[in-house]
Amino acid sequence: MSRIEPRAIGRRTFLVRAGRGALGFAVLGLAACSGGDEGDTAAPKASGSSPSEESTSASSSPAGAAEMAWSRGDRGIVSAYVLVRGNEAAVVDTGVTGSAGQIGEVLDEAGPGWAGVRHVVLTHKHGDHAGSVGEVGERAADAIFYAGEADLGAIEATRRLRPVADGDEVFGLQMVASPGHTAGHFAVFDADSAVLVAGDALNNSDGLSGSDPEFTEDEAAAADSVRKLARLEPRVILVGHGPPVQRGAAAQLQSLAQSLG
């Protein structure tokens, strides 16, 4: 798999390139927290079944709390993430339109395939993160789809999107309201491994920073969200744009939060 070093570019240029297939994916897990190399993997353990889409609660934790397995293939400047526990998976963000095939390849390599996808979480409404939600919906037949309530109306999805609230648990993952980039932005945090999927609340295209001001709806709220995420003390930070922060993540994020006043 070819590797392209990410760099900061304008959103218009990004969308043009992303439409040509420049998209990165990762399967994440505890090995990321122990300072392992990007290509390392952690052996998955069996987990229980997830609730059906008719479930009345947004909370869903796999039985046995199996550890997450991970690996990463970097093919560009936007990342969707696949989180795997045993034979089941959650997809966080779906990338630009046309990304479902590439997500499927990563799912097959990770083991669960589309049949194992039980949850799809959209961190926010922007097309580079939610552009393939319809395609993913067609393939992940048994999955429940989630997004922040304030962003729901702007996401074109063929499947019902379930609103999440701050502190909800999905697949053993904590949903963390992190508005600012958009009003309904959410991050995803695995407390056991301290892996944070930050969406666009954080950016690592040119060093760790907060939401890109050019595409931020509320800069004050975005700064508050950075401080909130810093209190989680993540050991690994996975961002929509730029490479994962796998070393000194908590310290870097704390420094960023302090710089915002």
C-alpha atoms as a PDB file:
ATOM      1  CA  MET A   1       0.000   0.000   0.000  1.00  0.00           C
ATOM      2  CA  SER A   2       1.493   3.322  -1.046  1.00  0.00           C
ATOM      3  CA  ARG A   3       2.058   5.934   1.622  1.00  0.00           C
ATOM      4  CA  ILE A   4       1.612   9.679   1.130  1.00  0.00           C
ATOM      5  CA  GLU A   5       2.869  12.049   3.779  1.00  0.00           C
ATOM      6  CA  PRO A   6       0.012  14.366   4.798  1.00  0.00           C
ATOM      7  CA  ARG A   7       0.399  18.116   4.537  1.00  0.00           C
ATOM      8  CA  ALA A   8      -1.861  21.099   5.092  1.00  0.00           C
ATOM      9  CA  ILE A   9      -3.861  22.163   2.022  1.00  0.00           C
ATOM     10  CA  GLY A  10      -6.986  24.174   1.339  1.00  0.00           C
ATOM     11  CA  ARG A  11     -10.358  22.430   1.681  1.00  0.00           C
ATOM     12  CA  ARG A  12     -11.206  22.980  -2.008  1.00  0.00           C
ATOM     13  CA  THR A  13      -7.962  21.292  -3.067  1.00  0.00           C
ATOM     14  CA  PHE A  14      -8.590  18.565  -0.515  1.00  0.00           C
ATOM     15  CA  LEU A  15     -12.050  17.765  -1.852  1.00  0.00           C
ATOM     16  CA  VAL A  16     -10.751  17.524  -5.410  1.00  0.00           C
ATOM     17  CA  ARG A  17      -7.968  15.146  -4.367  1.00  0.00           C
ATOM     18  CA  ALA A  18     -10.171  13.158  -2.021  1.00  0.00           C
ATOM     19  CA  GLY A  19     -12.671  12.639  -4.827  1.00  0.00           C
ATOM     20  CA  ARG A  20      -9.910  10.874  -6.715  1.00  0.00           C
ATOM     21  CA  GLY A  21      -9.554   8.322  -3.965  1.00  0.00           C
ATOM     22  CA  ALA A  22      -6.981   9.831  -1.597  1.00  0.00           C
ATOM     23  CA  LEU A  23      -8.306   8.289   1.572  1.00  0.00           C
ATOM     24  CA  GLY A  24      -6.645   6.697   4.574  1.00  0.00           C
ATOM     25  CA  PHE A  25      -8.047   4.068   6.915  1.00  0.00           C
ATOM     26  CA  ALA A  26      -7.047   2.519  10.221  1.00  0.00           C
ATOM     27  CA  VAL A  27      -8.017  -0.356  12.437  1.00  0.00           C
ATOM     28  CA  LEU A  28      -7.148   0.593  15.969  1.00  0.00           C
ATOM     29  CA  GLY A  29      -6.400  -1.077  19.249  1.00  0.00           C
ATOM     30  CA  LEU A  30      -4.449  -1.397  22.447  1.00  0.00           C
ATOM     31  CA  ALA A  31      -1.136  -1.860  20.649  1.00  0.00           C
ATOM     32  CA  ALA A  32      -1.369   1.783  19.581  1.00  0.00           C
ATOM     33  CA  CYS A  33      -1.263   2.769  23.217  1.00  0.00           C
ATOM     34  CA  SER A  34       1.858   0.835  24.025  1.00  0.00           C
ATOM     35  CA  GLY A  35       4.028   2.670  21.530  1.00  0.00           C
ATOM     36  CA  GLY A  36       3.875  -0.029  18.848  1.00  0.00           C
ATOM     37  CA  ASP A  37       4.703   0.679  15.224  1.00  0.00           C
ATOM     38  CA  GLU A  38       1.881   1.671  12.892  1.00  0.00           C
ATOM     39  CA  GLY A  39       1.823  -1.742  11.253  1.00  0.00           C
ATOM     40  CA  ASP A  40       1.483  -3.693  14.481  1.00  0.00           C
ATOM     41  CA  THR A  41      -1.702  -5.536  15.339  1.00  0.00           C
ATOM     42  CA  ALA A  42      -3.251  -6.776  18.542  1.00  0.00           C
ATOM     43  CA  ALA A  43      -4.931 -10.164  18.463  1.00  0.00           C
ATOM     44  CA  PRO A  44      -8.713  -9.794  18.824  1.00  0.00           C
ATOM     45  CA  LYS A  45     -10.801 -11.619  21.371  1.00  0.00           C
ATOM     46  CA  ALA A  46     -14.339 -12.890  20.996  1.00  0.00           C
ATOM     47  CA  SER A  47     -17.170 -10.530  21.869  1.00  0.00           C
ATOM     48  CA  GLY A  48     -20.889 -10.822  22.202  1.00  0.00           C
ATOM     49  CA  SER A  49     -23.588  -9.682  19.840  1.00  0.00           C
ATOM     50  CA  SER A  50     -24.788  -6.102  19.478  1.00  0.00           C
ATOM     51  CA  PRO A  51     -28.375  -4.858  19.726  1.00  0.00           C
ATOM     52  CA  SER A  52     -30.564  -4.544  16.659  1.00  0.00           C
ATOM     53  CA  GLU A  53     -31.413  -1.204  15.083  1.00  0.00           C
ATOM     54  CA  GLU A  54     -34.748  -1.278  16.919  1.00  0.00           C
ATOM     55  CA  SER A  55     -32.984  -0.997  20.288  1.00  0.00           C
ATOM     56  CA  THR A  56     -34.347   1.900  22.334  1.00  0.00           C
ATOM     57  CA  SER A  57     -31.023   2.884  23.901  1.00  0.00           C
ATOM     58  CA  ALA A  58     -27.975   4.480  22.310  1.00  0.00           C
ATOM     59  CA  SER A  59     -25.808   2.616  24.794  1.00  0.00           C
ATOM     60  CA  SER A  60     -24.229  -0.569  23.469  1.00  0.00           C
ATOM     61  CA  SER A  61     -21.245  -2.358  24.976  1.00  0.00           C
ATOM     62  CA  PRO A  62     -20.010  -5.683  23.577  1.00  0.00           C
ATOM     63  CA  ALA A  63     -20.140  -8.586  26.003  1.00  0.00           C
ATOM     64  CA  GLY A  64     -16.810  -9.355  27.609  1.00  0.00           C
ATOM     65  CA  ALA A  65     -15.354  -5.953  26.619  1.00  0.00           C
ATOM     66  CA  ALA A  66     -12.897  -7.548  24.186  1.00  0.00           C
ATOM     67  CA  GLU A  67      -9.780  -5.564  23.380  1.00  0.00           C
ATOM     68  CA  MET A  68      -9.608  -3.604  20.134  1.00  0.00           C
ATOM     69  CA  ALA A  69      -7.270  -4.835  17.412  1.00  0.00           C
ATOM     70  CA  TRP A  70      -5.628  -2.286  15.129  1.00  0.00           C
ATOM     71  CA  SER A  71      -3.490  -1.641  12.074  1.00  0.00           C
ATOM     72  CA  ARG A  72      -3.204   1.360   9.786  1.00  0.00           C
ATOM     73  CA  GLY A  73      -2.976   1.915   6.052  1.00  0.00           C
ATOM     74  CA  ASP A  74      -2.279   5.551   5.153  1.00  0.00           C
ATOM     75  CA  ARG A  75      -3.308   6.401   1.623  1.00  0.00           C
ATOM     76  CA  GLY A  76      -3.974  10.099   1.856  1.00  0.00           C
ATOM     77  CA  ILE A  77      -5.061  13.049   3.951  1.00  0.00           C
ATOM     78  CA  VAL A  78      -8.509  12.042   5.193  1.00  0.00           C
ATOM     79  CA  SER A  79      -9.041   9.037   7.430  1.00  0.00           C
ATOM     80  CA  ALA A  80     -11.982   6.817   8.276  1.00  0.00           C
ATOM     81  CA  TYR A  81     -11.473   4.430  11.155  1.00  0.00           C
ATOM     82  CA  VAL A  82     -12.490   0.832  11.811  1.00  0.00           C
ATOM     83  CA  LEU A  83     -12.548  -0.289  15.444  1.00  0.00           C
ATOM     84  CA  VAL A  84     -12.604  -4.072  15.920  1.00  0.00           C
ATOM     85  CA  ARG A  85     -13.484  -6.196  18.940  1.00  0.00           C
ATOM     86  CA  GLY A  86     -13.435  -9.909  18.263  1.00  0.00           C
ATOM     87  CA  ASN A  87     -15.680 -10.589  15.277  1.00  0.00           C
ATOM     88  CA  GLU A  88     -17.451  -7.228  15.353  1.00  0.00           C
ATOM     89  CA  ALA A  89     -16.534  -3.755  14.215  1.00  0.00           C
ATOM     90  CA  ALA A  90     -17.522  -0.103  14.415  1.00  0.00           C
ATOM     91  CA  VAL A  91     -16.760   2.311  11.592  1.00  0.00           C
ATOM     92  CA  VAL A  92     -16.038   5.912  12.574  1.00  0.00           C
ATOM     93  CA  ASP A  93     -16.660   8.247   9.626  1.00  0.00           C
ATOM     94  CA  THR A  94     -17.200   7.113   6.048  1.00  0.00           C
ATOM     95  CA  GLY A  95     -14.957   9.402   4.016  1.00  0.00           C
ATOM     96  CA  VAL A  96     -15.887  11.096   0.761  1.00  0.00           C
ATOM     97  CA  THR A  97     -18.331   9.667  -1.782  1.00  0.00           C
ATOM     98  CA  GLY A  98     -16.984   6.454  -3.270  1.00  0.00           C
ATOM     99  CA  SER A  99     -15.055   5.313  -0.215  1.00  0.00           C
ATOM    100  CA  ALA A 100     -17.113   2.252   0.730  1.00  0.00           C
ATOM    101  CA  GLY A 101     -15.036  -0.125  -1.377  1.00  0.00           C
ATOM    102  CA  GLN A 102     -11.846   0.898   0.384  1.00  0.00           C
ATOM    103  CA  ILE A 103     -13.487   0.633   3.799  1.00  0.00           C
ATOM    104  CA  GLY A 104     -14.599  -2.858   2.841  1.00  0.00           C
ATOM    105  CA  GLU A 105     -11.033  -3.852   1.997  1.00  0.00           C
ATOM    106  CA  VAL A 106      -9.871  -2.765   5.445  1.00  0.00           C
ATOM    107  CA  LEU A 107     -12.745  -4.616   7.096  1.00  0.00           C
ATOM    108  CA  ASP A 108     -11.809  -7.780   5.213  1.00  0.00           C
ATOM    109  CA  GLU A 109      -8.168  -7.449   6.269  1.00  0.00           C
ATOM    110  CA  ALA A 110      -9.219  -6.856   9.870  1.00  0.00           C
ATOM    111  CA  GLY A 111     -11.443  -9.942   9.855  1.00  0.00           C
ATOM    112  CA  PRO A 112     -15.067  -8.936  10.453  1.00  0.00           C
ATOM    113  CA  GLY A 113     -15.914  -7.797   6.913  1.00  0.00           C
ATOM    114  CA  TRP A 114     -19.129  -5.901   6.298  1.00  0.00           C
ATOM    115  CA  ALA A 115     -21.117  -8.639   8.049  1.00  0.00           C
ATOM    116  CA  GLY A 116     -19.371  -7.793  11.309  1.00  0.00           C
ATOM    117  CA  VAL A 117     -20.095  -4.054  11.283  1.00  0.00           C
ATOM    118  CA  ARG A 118     -22.536  -3.293  14.088  1.00  0.00           C
ATOM    119  CA  HIS A 119     -22.108   0.464  14.448  1.00  0.00           C
ATOM    120  CA  VAL A 120     -21.280   3.429  12.205  1.00  0.00           C
ATOM    121  CA  VAL A 121     -20.503   6.719  13.942  1.00  0.00           C
ATOM    122  CA  LEU A 122     -20.249  10.003  12.053  1.00  0.00           C
ATOM    123  CA  THR A 123     -18.166  12.565  13.916  1.00  0.00           C
ATOM    124  CA  HIS A 124     -19.840  15.394  11.998  1.00  0.00           C
ATOM    125  CA  LYS A 125     -21.785  16.415   8.916  1.00  0.00           C
ATOM    126  CA  HIS A 126     -19.055  17.475   6.463  1.00  0.00           C
ATOM    127  CA  GLY A 127     -18.858  15.584   3.182  1.00  0.00           C
ATOM    128  CA  ASP A 128     -15.285  14.419   3.636  1.00  0.00           C
ATOM    129  CA  HIS A 129     -16.418  12.515   6.743  1.00  0.00           C
ATOM    130  CA  ALA A 130     -20.024  11.583   5.891  1.00  0.00           C
ATOM    131  CA  GLY A 131     -19.875  11.443   2.102  1.00  0.00           C
ATOM    132  CA  SER A 132     -20.142   7.648   1.832  1.00  0.00           C
ATOM    133  CA  VAL A 133     -22.753   7.105   4.533  1.00  0.00           C
ATOM    134  CA  GLY A 134     -25.293   5.937   1.947  1.00  0.00           C
ATOM    135  CA  GLU A 135     -22.885   3.448   0.370  1.00  0.00           C
ATOM    136  CA  VAL A 136     -21.815   2.161   3.762  1.00  0.00           C
ATOM    137  CA  GLY A 137     -25.465   1.824   4.750  1.00  0.00           C
ATOM    138  CA  GLU A 138     -26.087  -0.464   1.797  1.00  0.00           C
ATOM    139  CA  ARG A 139     -23.220  -2.760   2.817  1.00  0.00           C
ATOM    140  CA  ALA A 140     -23.461  -2.687   6.616  1.00  0.00           C
ATOM    141  CA  ALA A 141     -26.929  -4.161   6.792  1.00  0.00           C
ATOM    142  CA  ASP A 142     -26.820  -4.955  10.518  1.00  0.00           C
ATOM    143  CA  ALA A 143     -25.306  -1.666  11.675  1.00  0.00           C
ATOM    144  CA  ILE A 144     -26.839   1.133  13.709  1.00  0.00           C
ATOM    145  CA  PHE A 145     -25.888   4.616  12.500  1.00  0.00           C
ATOM    146  CA  TYR A 146     -25.173   7.542  14.831  1.00  0.00           C
ATOM    147  CA  ALA A 147     -24.453  11.272  14.639  1.00  0.00           C
ATOM    148  CA  GLY A 148     -24.774  14.369  16.790  1.00  0.00           C
ATOM    149  CA  GLU A 149     -28.337  15.681  16.826  1.00  0.00           C
ATOM    150  CA  ALA A 150     -27.371  19.200  15.732  1.00  0.00           C
ATOM    151  CA  ASP A 151     -25.794  17.795  12.540  1.00  0.00           C
ATOM    152  CA  LEU A 152     -28.490  15.266  11.628  1.00  0.00           C
ATOM    153  CA  GLY A 153     -30.443  17.529   9.279  1.00  0.00           C
ATOM    154  CA  ALA A 154     -27.385  18.193   7.110  1.00  0.00           C
ATOM    155  CA  ILE A 155     -26.433  14.543   6.576  1.00  0.00           C
ATOM    156  CA  GLU A 156     -27.981  12.822   3.571  1.00  0.00           C
ATOM    157  CA  ALA A 157     -28.390   9.219   4.665  1.00  0.00           C
ATOM    158  CA  THR A 158     -30.606   6.432   3.389  1.00  0.00           C
ATOM    159  CA  ARG A 159     -30.609   4.798   6.823  1.00  0.00           C
ATOM    160  CA  ARG A 160     -32.024   6.236  10.027  1.00  0.00           C
ATOM    161  CA  LEU A 161     -29.416   8.148  11.992  1.00  0.00           C
ATOM    162  CA  ARG A 162     -29.678   7.790  15.734  1.00  0.00           C
ATOM    163  CA  PRO A 163     -28.757  10.945  17.689  1.00  0.00           C
ATOM    164  CA  VAL A 164     -26.114  10.524  20.369  1.00  0.00           C
ATOM    165  CA  ALA A 165     -25.695  12.548  23.534  1.00  0.00           C
ATOM    166  CA  ASP A 166     -22.576  13.400  25.478  1.00  0.00           C
ATOM    167  CA  GLY A 167     -21.530  10.385  27.542  1.00  0.00           C
ATOM    168  CA  ASP A 168     -23.505   7.794  25.553  1.00  0.00           C
ATOM    169  CA  GLU A 169     -21.744   4.461  25.105  1.00  0.00           C
ATOM    170  CA  VAL A 170     -21.623   2.688  21.748  1.00  0.00           C
ATOM    171  CA  PHE A 171     -19.660  -0.554  21.281  1.00  0.00           C
ATOM    172  CA  GLY A 172     -17.899   0.081  24.569  1.00  0.00           C
ATOM    173  CA  LEU A 173     -16.862   3.529  23.287  1.00  0.00           C
ATOM    174  CA  GLN A 174     -17.683   6.840  24.951  1.00  0.00           C
ATOM    175  CA  MET A 175     -19.365   9.459  22.762  1.00  0.00           C
ATOM    176  CA  VAL A 176     -17.844  12.847  23.584  1.00  0.00           C
ATOM    177  CA  ALA A 177     -19.672  15.985  22.482  1.00  0.00           C
ATOM    178  CA  SER A 178     -17.027  18.294  21.015  1.00  0.00           C
ATOM    179  CA  PRO A 179     -18.865  21.146  19.249  1.00  0.00           C
ATOM    180  CA  GLY A 180     -17.201  24.030  17.495  1.00  0.00           C
ATOM    181  CA  HIS A 181     -16.048  22.602  14.188  1.00  0.00           C
ATOM    182  CA  THR A 182     -19.770  21.934  13.746  1.00  0.00           C
ATOM    183  CA  ALA A 183     -22.547  22.248  16.295  1.00  0.00           C
ATOM    184  CA  GLY A 184     -23.102  18.483  16.388  1.00  0.00           C
ATOM    185  CA  HIS A 185     -19.489  17.332  16.331  1.00  0.00           C
ATOM    186  CA  PHE A 186     -18.653  14.242  18.412  1.00  0.00           C
ATOM    187  CA  ALA A 187     -15.399  12.511  19.239  1.00  0.00           C
ATOM    188  CA  VAL A 188     -15.121   8.823  20.169  1.00  0.00           C
ATOM    189  CA  PHE A 189     -13.062   7.607  23.144  1.00  0.00           C
ATOM    190  CA  ASP A 190     -12.108   4.125  24.285  1.00  0.00           C
ATOM    191  CA  ALA A 191     -11.356   4.506  27.989  1.00  0.00           C
ATOM    192  CA  ASP A 192      -9.649   1.108  28.336  1.00  0.00           C
ATOM    193  CA  SER A 193      -6.990   1.823  25.732  1.00  0.00           C
ATOM    194  CA  ALA A 194      -7.200   5.653  25.926  1.00  0.00           C
ATOM    195  CA  VAL A 195      -7.617   5.853  22.147  1.00  0.00           C
ATOM    196  CA  LEU A 196      -9.366   9.032  21.009  1.00  0.00           C
ATOM    197  CA  VAL A 197     -10.927   9.363  17.549  1.00  0.00           C
ATOM    198  CA  ALA A 198     -11.133  13.143  17.358  1.00  0.00           C
ATOM    199  CA  GLY A 199     -12.735  13.772  13.975  1.00  0.00           C
ATOM    200  CA  ASP A 200     -12.009  17.405  13.078  1.00  0.00           C
ATOM    201  CA  ALA A 201     -12.014  18.728  16.653  1.00  0.00           C
ATOM    202  CA  LEU A 202      -8.254  18.195  16.349  1.00  0.00           C
ATOM    203  CA  ASN A 203      -5.987  18.371  13.312  1.00  0.00           C
ATOM    204  CA  ASN A 204      -2.500  16.951  12.815  1.00  0.00           C
ATOM    205  CA  SER A 205      -1.743  17.983   9.241  1.00  0.00           C
ATOM    206  CA  ASP A 206       1.087  20.248  10.403  1.00  0.00           C
ATOM    207  CA  GLY A 207       1.499  19.453  14.094  1.00  0.00           C
ATOM    208  CA  LEU A 208      -1.328  18.950  16.556  1.00  0.00           C
ATOM    209  CA  SER A 209      -3.818  21.817  16.482  1.00  0.00           C
ATOM    210  CA  GLY A 210      -7.490  22.445  17.038  1.00  0.00           C
ATOM    211  CA  SER A 211     -10.281  22.744  14.508  1.00  0.00           C
ATOM    212  CA  ASP A 212      -9.237  24.519  11.310  1.00  0.00           C
ATOM    213  CA  PRO A 213     -10.527  28.100  11.833  1.00  0.00           C
ATOM    214  CA  GLU A 214     -11.515  28.411   8.170  1.00  0.00           C
ATOM    215  CA  PHE A 215     -14.099  25.649   8.566  1.00  0.00           C
ATOM    216  CA  THR A 216     -15.106  26.161  12.204  1.00  0.00           C
ATOM    217  CA  GLU A 217     -18.624  27.268  13.053  1.00  0.00           C
ATOM    218  CA  ASP A 218     -17.854  28.461  16.591  1.00  0.00           C
ATOM    219  CA  GLU A 219     -14.223  29.089  17.511  1.00  0.00           C
ATOM    220  CA  ALA A 220     -14.905  29.612  21.223  1.00  0.00           C
ATOM    221  CA  ALA A 221     -16.776  26.312  21.435  1.00  0.00           C
ATOM    222  CA  ALA A 222     -14.000  24.610  19.451  1.00  0.00           C
ATOM    223  CA  ALA A 223     -11.400  25.818  21.964  1.00  0.00           C
ATOM    224  CA  ASP A 224     -13.571  24.563  24.841  1.00  0.00           C
ATOM    225  CA  SER A 225     -13.747  21.184  23.105  1.00  0.00           C
ATOM    226  CA  VAL A 226      -9.959  20.978  22.863  1.00  0.00           C
ATOM    227  CA  ARG A 227      -9.721  21.582  26.605  1.00  0.00           C
ATOM    228  CA  LYS A 228     -12.411  18.957  27.218  1.00  0.00           C
ATOM    229  CA  LEU A 229     -10.610  16.362  25.103  1.00  0.00           C
ATOM    230  CA  ALA A 230      -7.331  17.138  26.872  1.00  0.00           C
ATOM    231  CA  ARG A 231      -8.924  16.136  30.179  1.00  0.00           C
ATOM    232  CA  LEU A 232      -9.394  12.623  28.769  1.00  0.00           C
ATOM    233  CA  GLU A 233      -5.589  12.231  28.676  1.00  0.00           C
ATOM    234  CA  PRO A 234      -5.565  10.097  25.509  1.00  0.00           C
ATOM    235  CA  ARG A 235      -2.548   7.938  24.771  1.00  0.00           C
ATOM    236  CA  VAL A 236      -3.339   7.852  21.047  1.00  0.00           C
ATOM    237  CA  ILE A 237      -5.139  10.542  19.033  1.00  0.00           C
ATOM    238  CA  LEU A 238      -6.680   9.659  15.669  1.00  0.00           C
ATOM    239  CA  VAL A 239      -7.620  12.653  13.569  1.00  0.00           C
ATOM    240  CA  GLY A 240      -9.506  13.176  10.361  1.00  0.00           C
ATOM    241  CA  HIS A 241      -6.600  15.028   8.760  1.00  0.00           C
ATOM    242  CA  GLY A 242      -2.980  14.141   9.376  1.00  0.00           C
ATOM    243  CA  PRO A 243      -1.287  11.106  10.917  1.00  0.00           C
ATOM    244  CA  PRO A 244      -2.279   9.624  14.285  1.00  0.00           C
ATOM    245  CA  VAL A 245      -0.472  10.955  17.340  1.00  0.00           C
ATOM    246  CA  GLN A 246       0.915   7.815  18.972  1.00  0.00           C
ATOM    247  CA  ARG A 247       3.685   9.179  21.194  1.00  0.00           C
ATOM    248  CA  GLY A 248       3.264  11.808  23.871  1.00  0.00           C
ATOM    249  CA  ALA A 249      -0.327  12.375  22.817  1.00  0.00           C
ATOM    250  CA  ALA A 250      -1.659  13.501  26.200  1.00  0.00           C
ATOM    251  CA  ALA A 251       1.211  15.930  26.726  1.00  0.00           C
ATOM    252  CA  GLN A 252       0.847  17.411  23.251  1.00  0.00           C
ATOM    253  CA  LEU A 253      -2.886  17.846  23.695  1.00  0.00           C
ATOM    254  CA  GLN A 254      -2.448  19.383  27.152  1.00  0.00           C
ATOM    255  CA  SER A 255       0.069  21.856  25.719  1.00  0.00           C
ATOM    256  CA  LEU A 256      -2.367  22.762  22.945  1.00  0.00           C
ATOM    257  CA  ALA A 257      -5.186  23.259  25.432  1.00  0.00           C
ATOM    258  CA  GLN A 258      -3.030  25.529  27.590  1.00  0.00           C
ATOM    259  CA  SER A 259      -2.047  27.599  24.557  1.00  0.00           C
ATOM    260  CA  LEU A 260      -5.723  28.390  23.946  1.00  0.00           C
ATOM    261  CA  GLY A 261      -5.990  30.161  27.301  1.00  0.00           C
END
